[in-house]
Amino acid sequence: MLDTPIPEFTASATGGQSIVSSALEGRKLVLYFYPKDSTPGCTTEAQQFRDLHGDFVKAGAMVLGVSRDSLKSHENFKAKLGLPFDLVSDPDETLCTLFGVMKLKNMYGKQVRGIERSTFVIDAKGILRHEWRGLKADGHAAAVLAVVRAL
């Protein structure tokens, strides 16, 4: 999938927005997928993207977080953490499927289907330039920022 155009998509986001991939061309995009609002790892990851958000903007990038949570849950999570970027609700797993982030995971000894923490960097022409899969939340936003700055 690297160095290929991302698939066309439309998704619902916080603030009543509809995100359309073709409308994002002309700016870099950081699309990070996370398992669940208000969980420890997801909170850490969101806070670190929040804290570096000004640097992402200076580098010409838009940041979007994606999970299967509802828009209501996303609005609460965004407000609680003071996130300056929008969160995309993907309850039917359309975006998750397009980017191949749904995996079987072990939770408390049971196999469950869920989002594998993953991040994708898309350039201003809509081409996928970098991806991370199965990553650790802490420190990840800084690594993403370094890649975005290098584009």
N, C-alpha and C. Protein backbone atom coordinates (compact mmCIF):
# COMPACT_ATOMS: atom_id res chain seq x y z
N MET A 1 0.81 -1.20 0.00
CA MET A 1 0.00 0.00 0.00
C MET A 1 0.86 1.27 0.00
N LEU A 2 2.11 1.18 0.48
CA LEU A 2 2.98 2.36 0.51
C LEU A 2 3.20 2.90 -0.89
N ASP A 3 3.34 4.21 -0.98
CA ASP A 3 3.59 4.92 -2.24
C ASP A 3 2.47 4.75 -3.26
N THR A 4 1.26 4.48 -2.77
CA THR A 4 0.08 4.41 -3.63
C THR A 4 -0.95 5.41 -3.11
N PRO A 5 -1.85 5.86 -3.99
CA PRO A 5 -2.90 6.78 -3.54
C PRO A 5 -3.80 6.09 -2.51
N ILE A 6 -4.24 6.85 -1.50
CA ILE A 6 -5.16 6.27 -0.53
C ILE A 6 -6.52 6.11 -1.18
N PRO A 7 -7.31 5.15 -0.69
CA PRO A 7 -8.65 4.96 -1.25
C PRO A 7 -9.54 6.17 -0.94
N GLU A 8 -10.47 6.44 -1.81
CA GLU A 8 -11.44 7.51 -1.60
C GLU A 8 -12.33 7.14 -0.41
N PHE A 9 -12.59 8.10 0.47
CA PHE A 9 -13.48 7.83 1.60
C PHE A 9 -14.19 9.10 2.04
N THR A 10 -15.33 8.89 2.70
CA THR A 10 -16.08 9.95 3.37
C THR A 10 -16.39 9.41 4.76
N ALA A 11 -16.20 10.25 5.77
CA ALA A 11 -16.42 9.79 7.14
C ALA A 11 -16.98 10.92 8.00
N SER A 12 -17.71 10.55 9.04
CA SER A 12 -18.27 11.52 9.98
C SER A 12 -17.28 11.80 11.10
N ALA A 13 -17.13 13.09 11.43
CA ALA A 13 -16.18 13.48 12.46
C ALA A 13 -16.83 14.42 13.46
N THR A 14 -16.10 14.68 14.54
CA THR A 14 -16.57 15.59 15.58
C THR A 14 -16.83 16.97 14.97
N GLY A 15 -17.66 17.73 15.66
CA GLY A 15 -17.99 19.07 15.17
C GLY A 15 -18.97 19.03 14.01
N GLY A 16 -19.62 17.89 13.81
CA GLY A 16 -20.61 17.77 12.72
C GLY A 16 -20.00 17.77 11.33
N GLN A 17 -18.72 17.46 11.26
CA GLN A 17 -18.03 17.50 9.97
C GLN A 17 -18.15 16.20 9.20
N SER A 18 -18.08 16.33 7.90
CA SER A 18 -17.96 15.18 7.03
C SER A 18 -16.58 15.31 6.38
N ILE A 19 -15.74 14.32 6.60
CA ILE A 19 -14.38 14.33 6.06
C ILE A 19 -14.41 13.58 4.73
N VAL A 20 -13.99 14.26 3.66
CA VAL A 20 -13.93 13.65 2.33
C VAL A 20 -12.46 13.65 1.90
N SER A 21 -11.92 12.47 1.62
CA SER A 21 -10.49 12.35 1.34
C SER A 21 -10.03 13.25 0.20
N SER A 22 -10.81 13.33 -0.87
CA SER A 22 -10.38 14.14 -2.02
C SER A 22 -10.28 15.63 -1.67
N ALA A 23 -11.05 16.08 -0.68
CA ALA A 23 -11.01 17.48 -0.27
C ALA A 23 -9.77 17.79 0.57
N LEU A 24 -9.05 16.76 0.99
CA LEU A 24 -7.87 16.95 1.83
C LEU A 24 -6.60 17.13 1.02
N GLU A 25 -6.67 16.89 -0.29
CA GLU A 25 -5.47 17.04 -1.11
C GLU A 25 -4.95 18.46 -1.03
N GLY A 26 -3.63 18.58 -1.07
CA GLY A 26 -3.01 19.89 -0.94
C GLY A 26 -2.43 20.09 0.45
N ARG A 27 -2.75 19.16 1.37
CA ARG A 27 -2.13 19.20 2.70
C ARG A 27 -1.81 17.78 3.13
N LYS A 28 -0.82 17.64 3.96
CA LYS A 28 -0.45 16.33 4.48
C LYS A 28 -1.51 15.90 5.49
N LEU A 29 -1.66 14.60 5.63
CA LEU A 29 -2.65 14.05 6.55
C LEU A 29 -2.03 12.97 7.42
N VAL A 30 -2.25 13.08 8.71
CA VAL A 30 -1.88 12.04 9.67
C VAL A 30 -3.19 11.40 10.11
N LEU A 31 -3.35 10.13 9.79
CA LEU A 31 -4.55 9.39 10.15
C LEU A 31 -4.12 8.34 11.17
N TYR A 32 -4.53 8.54 12.43
CA TYR A 32 -4.14 7.55 13.43
C TYR A 32 -5.37 6.81 13.94
N PHE A 33 -5.25 5.49 13.93
CA PHE A 33 -6.33 4.60 14.36
C PHE A 33 -6.01 4.12 15.77
N TYR A 34 -7.01 4.16 16.64
CA TYR A 34 -6.81 3.74 18.03
C TYR A 34 -8.01 2.92 18.48
N PRO A 35 -7.80 2.03 19.46
CA PRO A 35 -8.88 1.10 19.85
C PRO A 35 -10.11 1.72 20.49
N LYS A 36 -9.94 2.62 21.51
CA LYS A 36 -11.13 3.06 22.25
C LYS A 36 -10.89 4.36 22.99
N ASP A 37 -11.88 5.25 22.93
CA ASP A 37 -11.84 6.51 23.68
C ASP A 37 -11.66 6.24 25.17
N SER A 38 -10.95 7.14 25.83
CA SER A 38 -10.82 7.17 27.29
C SER A 38 -10.16 5.95 27.92
N THR A 39 -9.39 5.19 27.15
CA THR A 39 -8.59 4.10 27.71
C THR A 39 -7.17 4.63 27.90
N PRO A 40 -6.38 4.02 28.77
CA PRO A 40 -5.07 4.60 29.10
C PRO A 40 -4.14 4.86 27.90
N GLY A 41 -3.91 3.85 27.06
CA GLY A 41 -3.02 4.03 25.91
C GLY A 41 -3.55 5.04 24.92
N CYS A 42 -4.85 5.01 24.68
CA CYS A 42 -5.46 5.92 23.71
C CYS A 42 -5.44 7.36 24.24
N THR A 43 -5.59 7.51 25.53
CA THR A 43 -5.52 8.84 26.14
C THR A 43 -4.10 9.39 26.00
N THR A 44 -3.09 8.57 26.31
CA THR A 44 -1.69 8.99 26.18
C THR A 44 -1.40 9.42 24.75
N GLU A 45 -1.82 8.60 23.78
CA GLU A 45 -1.56 8.89 22.37
C GLU A 45 -2.22 10.21 21.96
N ALA A 46 -3.50 10.39 22.33
CA ALA A 46 -4.23 11.61 21.97
C ALA A 46 -3.58 12.83 22.60
N GLN A 47 -3.15 12.74 23.86
CA GLN A 47 -2.51 13.86 24.54
C GLN A 47 -1.20 14.25 23.85
N GLN A 48 -0.44 13.26 23.39
CA GLN A 48 0.83 13.57 22.74
C GLN A 48 0.61 14.19 21.36
N PHE A 49 -0.40 13.72 20.62
CA PHE A 49 -0.74 14.39 19.35
C PHE A 49 -1.23 15.81 19.65
N ARG A 50 -2.00 15.98 20.72
CA ARG A 50 -2.48 17.31 21.12
C ARG A 50 -1.30 18.24 21.42
N ASP A 51 -0.37 17.75 22.22
CA ASP A 51 0.75 18.59 22.64
C ASP A 51 1.66 19.00 21.49
N LEU A 52 1.70 18.20 20.44
CA LEU A 52 2.54 18.51 19.27
C LEU A 52 1.72 19.09 18.11
N HIS A 53 0.43 19.32 18.34
CA HIS A 53 -0.46 19.74 17.24
C HIS A 53 0.04 20.98 16.52
N GLY A 54 0.52 21.99 17.25
CA GLY A 54 1.03 23.20 16.62
C GLY A 54 2.17 22.91 15.67
N ASP A 55 3.02 21.94 16.02
CA ASP A 55 4.14 21.55 15.16
C ASP A 55 3.65 20.84 13.90
N PHE A 56 2.60 20.02 14.05
CA PHE A 56 2.02 19.36 12.87
C PHE A 56 1.44 20.40 11.92
N VAL A 57 0.74 21.38 12.46
CA VAL A 57 0.15 22.45 11.64
C VAL A 57 1.26 23.22 10.91
N LYS A 58 2.33 23.57 11.64
CA LYS A 58 3.46 24.28 11.01
C LYS A 58 4.07 23.47 9.89
N ALA A 59 4.04 22.14 10.02
CA ALA A 59 4.58 21.24 8.99
C ALA A 59 3.58 21.00 7.85
N GLY A 60 2.41 21.66 7.93
CA GLY A 60 1.41 21.55 6.86
C GLY A 60 0.55 20.31 6.93
N ALA A 61 0.42 19.74 8.13
CA ALA A 61 -0.34 18.49 8.26
C ALA A 61 -1.60 18.66 9.09
N MET A 62 -2.60 17.89 8.71
CA MET A 62 -3.85 17.78 9.45
C MET A 62 -3.80 16.44 10.19
N VAL A 63 -4.22 16.42 11.45
CA VAL A 63 -4.25 15.20 12.25
C VAL A 63 -5.71 14.79 12.45
N LEU A 64 -6.00 13.51 12.23
CA LEU A 64 -7.33 12.95 12.50
C LEU A 64 -7.16 11.64 13.26
N GLY A 65 -7.89 11.49 14.36
CA GLY A 65 -7.92 10.23 15.10
C GLY A 65 -9.15 9.45 14.66
N VAL A 66 -9.02 8.12 14.55
CA VAL A 66 -10.13 7.28 14.09
C VAL A 66 -10.31 6.09 15.03
N SER A 67 -11.56 5.87 15.45
CA SER A 67 -11.90 4.63 16.16
C SER A 67 -13.36 4.29 15.85
N ARG A 68 -13.81 3.17 16.40
CA ARG A 68 -15.19 2.74 16.16
C ARG A 68 -16.17 3.38 17.12
N ASP A 69 -15.69 4.21 18.05
CA ASP A 69 -16.58 4.86 19.02
C ASP A 69 -17.57 5.79 18.32
N SER A 70 -18.68 6.06 19.01
CA SER A 70 -19.72 6.96 18.48
C SER A 70 -19.23 8.40 18.46
N LEU A 71 -19.90 9.24 17.70
CA LEU A 71 -19.56 10.67 17.68
C LEU A 71 -19.75 11.28 19.07
N LYS A 72 -20.78 10.83 19.80
CA LYS A 72 -21.00 11.35 21.16
C LYS A 72 -19.81 11.03 22.05
N SER A 73 -19.33 9.80 22.00
CA SER A 73 -18.16 9.40 22.78
C SER A 73 -16.95 10.22 22.36
N HIS A 74 -16.78 10.41 21.05
CA HIS A 74 -15.66 11.21 20.52
C HIS A 74 -15.74 12.66 21.01
N GLU A 75 -16.93 13.24 20.99
CA GLU A 75 -17.09 14.64 21.43
C GLU A 75 -16.68 14.77 22.90
N ASN A 76 -17.08 13.79 23.73
CA ASN A 76 -16.72 13.81 25.15
C ASN A 76 -15.21 13.65 25.35
N PHE A 77 -14.61 12.72 24.63
CA PHE A 77 -13.17 12.46 24.71
C PHE A 77 -12.39 13.69 24.27
N LYS A 78 -12.83 14.29 23.17
CA LYS A 78 -12.17 15.49 22.63
C LYS A 78 -12.24 16.64 23.64
N ALA A 79 -13.41 16.84 24.22
CA ALA A 79 -13.60 17.93 25.18
C ALA A 79 -12.80 17.68 26.46
N LYS A 80 -12.83 16.45 26.95
CA LYS A 80 -12.13 16.10 28.19
C LYS A 80 -10.62 16.36 28.08
N LEU A 81 -10.05 16.05 26.90
CA LEU A 81 -8.60 16.19 26.71
C LEU A 81 -8.21 17.51 26.04
N GLY A 82 -9.20 18.31 25.61
CA GLY A 82 -8.91 19.56 24.93
C GLY A 82 -8.18 19.34 23.61
N LEU A 83 -8.66 18.36 22.84
CA LEU A 83 -8.00 18.03 21.57
C LEU A 83 -8.29 19.10 20.51
N PRO A 84 -7.25 19.61 19.85
CA PRO A 84 -7.44 20.64 18.82
C PRO A 84 -7.71 20.06 17.42
N PHE A 85 -7.79 18.74 17.33
CA PHE A 85 -8.04 18.08 16.04
C PHE A 85 -9.31 17.25 16.18
N ASP A 86 -9.85 16.84 15.03
CA ASP A 86 -11.11 16.10 15.04
C ASP A 86 -10.89 14.60 15.13
N LEU A 87 -11.93 13.93 15.61
CA LEU A 87 -11.95 12.47 15.73
C LEU A 87 -13.03 11.94 14.79
N VAL A 88 -12.69 10.89 14.06
CA VAL A 88 -13.59 10.28 13.09
C VAL A 88 -14.24 9.06 13.71
N SER A 89 -15.55 8.96 13.57
CA SER A 89 -16.30 7.81 14.04
C SER A 89 -16.45 6.81 12.89
N ASP A 90 -16.03 5.58 13.13
CA ASP A 90 -16.08 4.54 12.10
C ASP A 90 -16.77 3.28 12.64
N PRO A 91 -18.05 3.41 13.07
CA PRO A 91 -18.73 2.27 13.70
C PRO A 91 -18.93 1.07 12.78
N ASP A 92 -19.02 1.31 11.47
CA ASP A 92 -19.22 0.20 10.54
C ASP A 92 -17.89 -0.31 9.97
N GLU A 93 -16.78 0.24 10.48
CA GLU A 93 -15.42 -0.21 10.13
C GLU A 93 -15.03 0.02 8.68
N THR A 94 -15.65 0.98 8.01
CA THR A 94 -15.32 1.27 6.61
C THR A 94 -13.86 1.70 6.46
N LEU A 95 -13.46 2.72 7.24
CA LEU A 95 -12.08 3.19 7.16
C LEU A 95 -11.12 2.14 7.71
N CYS A 96 -11.51 1.48 8.79
CA CYS A 96 -10.67 0.43 9.37
C CYS A 96 -10.37 -0.65 8.34
N THR A 97 -11.36 -1.00 7.55
CA THR A 97 -11.19 -2.02 6.51
C THR A 97 -10.31 -1.49 5.38
N LEU A 98 -10.55 -0.25 4.94
CA LEU A 98 -9.73 0.33 3.87
C LEU A 98 -8.24 0.33 4.21
N PHE A 99 -7.93 0.56 5.49
CA PHE A 99 -6.54 0.63 5.92
C PHE A 99 -6.05 -0.66 6.59
N GLY A 100 -6.91 -1.68 6.66
CA GLY A 100 -6.51 -2.99 7.16
C GLY A 100 -6.05 -3.01 8.61
N VAL A 101 -6.77 -2.30 9.49
CA VAL A 101 -6.34 -2.21 10.89
C VAL A 101 -7.13 -3.10 11.85
N MET A 102 -8.12 -3.83 11.35
CA MET A 102 -8.89 -4.73 12.23
C MET A 102 -8.12 -6.04 12.40
N LYS A 103 -7.92 -6.43 13.66
CA LYS A 103 -7.15 -7.63 13.98
C LYS A 103 -7.81 -8.40 15.11
N LEU A 104 -7.49 -9.68 15.20
CA LEU A 104 -7.89 -10.47 16.36
C LEU A 104 -6.85 -10.21 17.44
N LYS A 105 -7.33 -9.85 18.64
CA LYS A 105 -6.43 -9.55 19.75
C LYS A 105 -6.85 -10.36 20.96
N ASN A 106 -5.91 -10.59 21.86
CA ASN A 106 -6.22 -11.28 23.11
C ASN A 106 -6.48 -10.26 24.20
N MET A 107 -7.67 -10.36 24.79
CA MET A 107 -8.00 -9.50 25.93
C MET A 107 -8.52 -10.37 27.04
N TYR A 108 -7.80 -10.38 28.14
CA TYR A 108 -8.20 -11.16 29.31
C TYR A 108 -8.45 -12.62 28.94
N GLY A 109 -7.58 -13.15 28.08
CA GLY A 109 -7.66 -14.56 27.71
C GLY A 109 -8.67 -14.89 26.63
N LYS A 110 -9.36 -13.88 26.11
CA LYS A 110 -10.35 -14.12 25.05
C LYS A 110 -9.89 -13.45 23.76
N GLN A 111 -10.23 -14.08 22.64
CA GLN A 111 -9.94 -13.48 21.34
C GLN A 111 -11.06 -12.49 21.00
N VAL A 112 -10.68 -11.26 20.72
CA VAL A 112 -11.66 -10.24 20.32
C VAL A 112 -11.14 -9.53 19.08
N ARG A 113 -12.08 -9.10 18.24
CA ARG A 113 -11.73 -8.31 17.06
C ARG A 113 -11.65 -6.86 17.46
N GLY A 114 -10.57 -6.21 17.10
CA GLY A 114 -10.44 -4.81 17.44
C GLY A 114 -9.45 -4.10 16.56
N ILE A 115 -9.31 -2.80 16.79
CA ILE A 115 -8.39 -1.98 16.00
C ILE A 115 -6.97 -2.18 16.52
N GLU A 116 -6.07 -2.48 15.59
CA GLU A 116 -4.65 -2.51 15.91
C GLU A 116 -4.16 -1.06 15.81
N ARG A 117 -3.58 -0.54 16.90
CA ARG A 117 -3.10 0.84 16.91
C ARG A 117 -2.15 1.04 15.72
N SER A 118 -2.54 1.94 14.82
CA SER A 118 -1.81 2.15 13.57
C SER A 118 -1.88 3.61 13.16
N THR A 119 -0.86 4.08 12.46
CA THR A 119 -0.84 5.46 11.97
C THR A 119 -0.36 5.48 10.53
N PHE A 120 -0.98 6.35 9.74
CA PHE A 120 -0.64 6.50 8.32
C PHE A 120 -0.36 7.96 8.02
N VAL A 121 0.72 8.21 7.29
CA VAL A 121 1.05 9.57 6.85
C VAL A 121 0.83 9.62 5.35
N ILE A 122 -0.01 10.57 4.93
CA ILE A 122 -0.38 10.74 3.52
C ILE A 122 0.14 12.10 3.09
N ASP A 123 0.78 12.15 1.91
CA ASP A 123 1.33 13.43 1.46
C ASP A 123 0.24 14.31 0.84
N ALA A 124 0.64 15.50 0.41
CA ALA A 124 -0.32 16.49 -0.10
C ALA A 124 -0.98 16.07 -1.41
N LYS A 125 -0.46 15.03 -2.06
CA LYS A 125 -1.06 14.53 -3.30
C LYS A 125 -1.95 13.31 -3.05
N GLY A 126 -2.14 12.95 -1.76
CA GLY A 126 -2.99 11.82 -1.43
C GLY A 126 -2.30 10.47 -1.52
N ILE A 127 -0.95 10.48 -1.48
CA ILE A 127 -0.17 9.25 -1.59
C ILE A 127 0.27 8.81 -0.18
N LEU A 128 0.05 7.54 0.13
CA LEU A 128 0.48 6.99 1.42
C LEU A 128 2.00 6.91 1.43
N ARG A 129 2.64 7.61 2.39
CA ARG A 129 4.10 7.67 2.44
C ARG A 129 4.72 6.91 3.59
N HIS A 130 3.98 6.70 4.68
CA HIS A 130 4.56 5.99 5.82
C HIS A 130 3.44 5.37 6.64
N GLU A 131 3.72 4.21 7.22
CA GLU A 131 2.73 3.58 8.09
C GLU A 131 3.42 2.89 9.26
N TRP A 132 2.74 2.88 10.37
CA TRP A 132 3.15 2.15 11.57
C TRP A 132 1.98 1.27 11.94
N ARG A 133 2.27 0.03 12.33
CA ARG A 133 1.22 -0.89 12.77
C ARG A 133 1.64 -1.55 14.08
N GLY A 134 0.66 -1.81 14.93
CA GLY A 134 0.93 -2.49 16.19
C GLY A 134 1.90 -1.73 17.08
N LEU A 135 1.76 -0.43 17.09
CA LEU A 135 2.73 0.43 17.78
C LEU A 135 2.38 0.67 19.24
N LYS A 136 3.34 1.17 19.98
CA LYS A 136 3.14 1.60 21.36
C LYS A 136 2.77 3.08 21.34
N ALA A 137 1.80 3.48 22.15
CA ALA A 137 1.28 4.85 22.13
C ALA A 137 2.31 5.88 22.57
N ASP A 138 3.02 5.61 23.67
CA ASP A 138 3.91 6.61 24.25
C ASP A 138 5.09 6.92 23.34
N GLY A 139 5.25 8.20 23.00
CA GLY A 139 6.35 8.64 22.16
C GLY A 139 6.09 8.55 20.67
N HIS A 140 4.97 7.95 20.30
CA HIS A 140 4.69 7.74 18.88
C HIS A 140 4.44 9.05 18.12
N ALA A 141 3.73 10.00 18.71
CA ALA A 141 3.41 11.25 18.00
C ALA A 141 4.68 11.98 17.56
N ALA A 142 5.72 11.95 18.38
CA ALA A 142 6.98 12.61 18.03
C ALA A 142 7.63 11.94 16.82
N ALA A 143 7.55 10.61 16.74
CA ALA A 143 8.09 9.88 15.59
C ALA A 143 7.32 10.23 14.32
N VAL A 144 6.01 10.36 14.44
CA VAL A 144 5.18 10.74 13.29
C VAL A 144 5.54 12.16 12.82
N LEU A 145 5.71 13.06 13.77
CA LEU A 145 6.07 14.43 13.42
C LEU A 145 7.38 14.50 12.65
N ALA A 146 8.36 13.70 13.03
CA ALA A 146 9.64 13.69 12.32
C ALA A 146 9.45 13.28 10.86
N VAL A 147 8.60 12.28 10.62
CA VAL A 147 8.33 11.83 9.24
C VAL A 147 7.59 12.92 8.47
N VAL A 148 6.60 13.54 9.10
CA VAL A 148 5.82 14.61 8.44
C VAL A 148 6.75 15.77 8.03
N ARG A 149 7.64 16.15 8.92
CA ARG A 149 8.57 17.25 8.61
C ARG A 149 9.49 16.89 7.45
N ALA A 150 9.83 15.62 7.30
CA ALA A 150 10.75 15.19 6.24
C ALA A 150 10.09 15.11 4.87
N LEU A 151 8.76 15.13 4.82
CA LEU A 151 8.05 15.04 3.53
C LEU A 151 8.18 16.33 2.73
